[in-house]
Amino acid sequence: MAEREVSIVKVRDVLLVTLPSSPGDRTIGNLQDRVLGKMQETDPAGVVIDVSLVETVDSFFARTMEETAQMIALMGGRTVIAGIPPAVAVTATELGLDFGQAESALDVERALDLLTGASEVKKSSDEGED
């Protein structure tokens, strides 16, 4: 897959990385350099990696995501992998794949809330509505 199929944009104070449905090894390998470069340029609070379009995962994909999360942590950020489809979750579990210190969220919106603290703000304001 061509590198242009990976999108990296800054949303709120977070880098949002969207992967294509079938990212090849080259795309995944190049992703690390691109994400780390953008981290240095933009100094975000963290990175959301949206995998909602990804149809299959293998050990290289999982290892690269784990390494990328470790590198992001070394640069002072957090990583949330968002939108893991059910079939991918089942396959990853069956293969014993682990995304390391990356957190996970059901979708991008929840991932952004997790990294920006918006969910705590919303939750505390909701609690005060009694």
C-alpha atoms as a PDB file:
ATOM      1  CA  MET A   1       0.000   0.000   0.000  1.00  0.00           C
ATOM      2  CA  ALA A   2       1.202   3.502  -0.700  1.00  0.00           C
ATOM      3  CA  GLU A   3       2.216   5.728   2.185  1.00  0.00           C
ATOM      4  CA  ARG A   4      -0.351   8.317   1.159  1.00  0.00           C
ATOM      5  CA  GLU A   5      -3.098   5.977   2.312  1.00  0.00           C
ATOM      6  CA  VAL A   6      -2.108   6.645   5.920  1.00  0.00           C
ATOM      7  CA  SER A   7      -3.511   9.871   7.289  1.00  0.00           C
ATOM      8  CA  ILE A   8      -1.855  11.757  10.170  1.00  0.00           C
ATOM      9  CA  VAL A   9      -3.648  14.898  11.368  1.00  0.00           C
ATOM     10  CA  LYS A  10      -3.676  16.868  14.607  1.00  0.00           C
ATOM     11  CA  VAL A  11      -7.073  16.946  16.336  1.00  0.00           C
ATOM     12  CA  ARG A  12      -7.423  18.748  19.667  1.00  0.00           C
ATOM     13  CA  ASP A  13      -3.965  18.136  21.200  1.00  0.00           C
ATOM     14  CA  VAL A  14      -3.665  14.648  19.697  1.00  0.00           C
ATOM     15  CA  LEU A  15      -2.271  13.131  16.523  1.00  0.00           C
ATOM     16  CA  LEU A  16      -4.911  11.044  14.764  1.00  0.00           C
ATOM     17  CA  VAL A  17      -3.437   8.308  12.584  1.00  0.00           C
ATOM     18  CA  THR A  18      -5.840   6.458  10.290  1.00  0.00           C
ATOM     19  CA  LEU A  19      -4.692   3.215   8.686  1.00  0.00           C
ATOM     20  CA  PRO A  20      -6.025   1.799   5.411  1.00  0.00           C
ATOM     21  CA  SER A  21      -7.965  -1.480   5.309  1.00  0.00           C
ATOM     22  CA  SER A  22      -4.997  -3.596   4.207  1.00  0.00           C
ATOM     23  CA  PRO A  23      -1.787  -1.894   5.326  1.00  0.00           C
ATOM     24  CA  GLY A  24       1.247  -3.667   3.932  1.00  0.00           C
ATOM     25  CA  ASP A  25       4.488  -4.212   5.793  1.00  0.00           C
ATOM     26  CA  ARG A  26       6.070  -1.224   4.068  1.00  0.00           C
ATOM     27  CA  THR A  27       3.207   1.073   5.097  1.00  0.00           C
ATOM     28  CA  ILE A  28       3.380  -0.144   8.700  1.00  0.00           C
ATOM     29  CA  GLY A  29       7.167   0.187   8.748  1.00  0.00           C
ATOM     30  CA  ASN A  30       7.081   3.750   7.382  1.00  0.00           C
ATOM     31  CA  LEU A  31       4.344   4.664   9.827  1.00  0.00           C
ATOM     32  CA  GLN A  32       6.761   4.717  12.786  1.00  0.00           C
ATOM     33  CA  ASP A  33       9.034   7.300  11.208  1.00  0.00           C
ATOM     34  CA  ARG A  34       6.125   9.475  10.122  1.00  0.00           C
ATOM     35  CA  VAL A  35       4.389   9.384  13.520  1.00  0.00           C
ATOM     36  CA  LEU A  36       7.585  10.086  15.457  1.00  0.00           C
ATOM     37  CA  GLY A  37       8.439  12.948  13.104  1.00  0.00           C
ATOM     38  CA  LYS A  38       4.976  14.479  13.594  1.00  0.00           C
ATOM     39  CA  MET A  39       5.330  14.022  17.373  1.00  0.00           C
ATOM     40  CA  GLN A  40       8.527  16.047  17.315  1.00  0.00           C
ATOM     41  CA  GLU A  41       6.933  18.754  15.123  1.00  0.00           C
ATOM     42  CA  THR A  42       3.632  19.144  16.979  1.00  0.00           C
ATOM     43  CA  ASP A  43       4.311  18.009  20.602  1.00  0.00           C
ATOM     44  CA  PRO A  44       0.891  16.341  21.101  1.00  0.00           C
ATOM     45  CA  ALA A  45      -0.414  14.825  24.328  1.00  0.00           C
ATOM     46  CA  GLY A  46      -0.675  11.510  22.561  1.00  0.00           C
ATOM     47  CA  VAL A  47      -1.490   9.539  19.455  1.00  0.00           C
ATOM     48  CA  VAL A  48      -4.707   7.807  18.431  1.00  0.00           C
ATOM     49  CA  ILE A  49      -4.162   5.032  15.908  1.00  0.00           C
ATOM     50  CA  ASP A  50      -7.482   4.348  14.191  1.00  0.00           C
ATOM     51  CA  VAL A  51      -7.566   0.744  12.996  1.00  0.00           C
ATOM     52  CA  SER A  52     -11.317   0.604  12.355  1.00  0.00           C
ATOM     53  CA  LEU A  53     -10.764  -0.066   8.640  1.00  0.00           C
ATOM     54  CA  VAL A  54      -8.088  -2.742   9.147  1.00  0.00           C
ATOM     55  CA  GLU A  55      -9.379  -6.155   8.133  1.00  0.00           C
ATOM     56  CA  THR A  56      -6.547  -8.443   9.277  1.00  0.00           C
ATOM     57  CA  VAL A  57      -3.552  -8.268  11.592  1.00  0.00           C
ATOM     58  CA  ASP A  58      -0.390 -10.323  11.826  1.00  0.00           C
ATOM     59  CA  SER A  59       2.516 -10.524  14.236  1.00  0.00           C
ATOM     60  CA  PHE A  60       4.503  -7.838  12.336  1.00  0.00           C
ATOM     61  CA  PHE A  61       1.571  -5.416  12.592  1.00  0.00           C
ATOM     62  CA  ALA A  62       1.138  -6.087  16.324  1.00  0.00           C
ATOM     63  CA  ARG A  63       4.882  -5.864  17.044  1.00  0.00           C
ATOM     64  CA  THR A  64       5.179  -2.581  15.133  1.00  0.00           C
ATOM     65  CA  MET A  65       2.185  -1.092  16.982  1.00  0.00           C
ATOM     66  CA  GLU A  66       3.730  -2.177  20.299  1.00  0.00           C
ATOM     67  CA  GLU A  67       7.121  -0.687  19.390  1.00  0.00           C
ATOM     68  CA  THR A  68       5.488   2.522  18.152  1.00  0.00           C
ATOM     69  CA  ALA A  69       3.591   2.881  21.448  1.00  0.00           C
ATOM     70  CA  GLN A  70       6.868   2.418  23.367  1.00  0.00           C
ATOM     71  CA  MET A  71       8.596   5.051  21.216  1.00  0.00           C
ATOM     72  CA  ILE A  72       5.710   7.486  21.691  1.00  0.00           C
ATOM     73  CA  ALA A  73       5.920   6.930  25.463  1.00  0.00           C
ATOM     74  CA  LEU A  74       9.657   7.646  25.378  1.00  0.00           C
ATOM     75  CA  MET A  75       8.815  10.944  23.669  1.00  0.00           C
ATOM     76  CA  GLY A  76       6.335  11.787  26.444  1.00  0.00           C
ATOM     77  CA  GLY A  77       3.063  10.767  24.777  1.00  0.00           C
ATOM     78  CA  ARG A  78       0.371   8.139  25.197  1.00  0.00           C
ATOM     79  CA  THR A  79      -0.998   5.827  22.525  1.00  0.00           C
ATOM     80  CA  VAL A  80      -4.598   4.711  22.141  1.00  0.00           C
ATOM     81  CA  ILE A  81      -5.543   2.198  19.474  1.00  0.00           C
ATOM     82  CA  ALA A  82      -9.119   2.913  18.456  1.00  0.00           C
ATOM     83  CA  GLY A  83     -11.803   1.018  16.593  1.00  0.00           C
ATOM     84  CA  ILE A  84     -10.474  -2.526  16.696  1.00  0.00           C
ATOM     85  CA  PRO A  85     -13.058  -4.502  14.669  1.00  0.00           C
ATOM     86  CA  PRO A  86     -14.477  -7.637  16.362  1.00  0.00           C
ATOM     87  CA  ALA A  87     -12.869 -10.027  13.852  1.00  0.00           C
ATOM     88  CA  VAL A  88      -9.473  -8.401  14.388  1.00  0.00           C
ATOM     89  CA  ALA A  89      -9.883  -8.586  18.175  1.00  0.00           C
ATOM     90  CA  VAL A  90     -10.728 -12.297  17.942  1.00  0.00           C
ATOM     91  CA  THR A  91      -7.805 -13.049  15.627  1.00  0.00           C
ATOM     92  CA  ALA A  92      -5.348 -11.031  17.719  1.00  0.00           C
ATOM     93  CA  THR A  93      -6.453 -12.827  20.875  1.00  0.00           C
ATOM     94  CA  GLU A  94      -6.265 -16.256  19.245  1.00  0.00           C
ATOM     95  CA  LEU A  95      -2.738 -15.514  18.003  1.00  0.00           C
ATOM     96  CA  GLY A  96      -1.691 -14.125  21.383  1.00  0.00           C
ATOM     97  CA  LEU A  97      -0.899 -10.716  19.877  1.00  0.00           C
ATOM     98  CA  ASP A  98      -0.431  -7.820  22.272  1.00  0.00           C
ATOM     99  CA  PHE A  99      -0.197  -4.094  21.573  1.00  0.00           C
ATOM    100  CA  GLY A 100       2.068  -3.493  24.566  1.00  0.00           C
ATOM    101  CA  GLN A 101       1.512  -0.335  26.567  1.00  0.00           C
ATOM    102  CA  ALA A 102      -0.984   1.082  24.085  1.00  0.00           C
ATOM    103  CA  GLU A 103      -4.425   1.675  25.524  1.00  0.00           C
ATOM    104  CA  SER A 104      -7.546   0.896  23.524  1.00  0.00           C
ATOM    105  CA  ALA A 105     -10.887   2.558  22.909  1.00  0.00           C
ATOM    106  CA  LEU A 106     -14.033   1.502  21.115  1.00  0.00           C
ATOM    107  CA  ASP A 107     -13.870   4.402  18.660  1.00  0.00           C
ATOM    108  CA  VAL A 108     -11.922   7.555  17.817  1.00  0.00           C
ATOM    109  CA  GLU A 109     -14.219   9.860  19.793  1.00  0.00           C
ATOM    110  CA  ARG A 110     -13.658   7.873  22.992  1.00  0.00           C
ATOM    111  CA  ALA A 111      -9.927   7.699  22.284  1.00  0.00           C
ATOM    112  CA  LEU A 112      -9.749  11.490  21.919  1.00  0.00           C
ATOM    113  CA  ASP A 113     -11.717  11.912  25.143  1.00  0.00           C
ATOM    114  CA  LEU A 114      -9.351   9.524  26.905  1.00  0.00           C
ATOM    115  CA  LEU A 115      -6.245  11.437  25.827  1.00  0.00           C
ATOM    116  CA  THR A 116      -7.620  14.936  26.345  1.00  0.00           C
ATOM    117  CA  GLY A 117      -9.455  14.289  29.613  1.00  0.00           C
ATOM    118  CA  ALA A 118     -12.777  15.309  28.068  1.00  0.00           C
ATOM    119  CA  SER A 119     -14.495  12.193  29.413  1.00  0.00           C
ATOM    120  CA  GLU A 120     -13.668  13.186  33.020  1.00  0.00           C
ATOM    121  CA  VAL A 121     -14.909  16.729  32.421  1.00  0.00           C
ATOM    122  CA  LYS A 122     -18.115  15.425  30.862  1.00  0.00           C
ATOM    123  CA  LYS A 123     -18.569  12.812  33.596  1.00  0.00           C
ATOM    124  CA  SER A 124     -18.101  15.326  36.422  1.00  0.00           C
ATOM    125  CA  SER A 125     -20.495  17.811  34.809  1.00  0.00           C
ATOM    126  CA  ASP A 126     -23.031  15.027  34.284  1.00  0.00           C
ATOM    127  CA  GLU A 127     -22.738  14.063  37.957  1.00  0.00           C
ATOM    128  CA  GLY A 128     -23.526  17.613  39.005  1.00  0.00           C
ATOM    129  CA  GLU A 129     -26.854  17.608  37.120  1.00  0.00           C
ATOM    130  CA  ASP A 130     -28.808  15.749  39.841  1.00  0.00           C
END
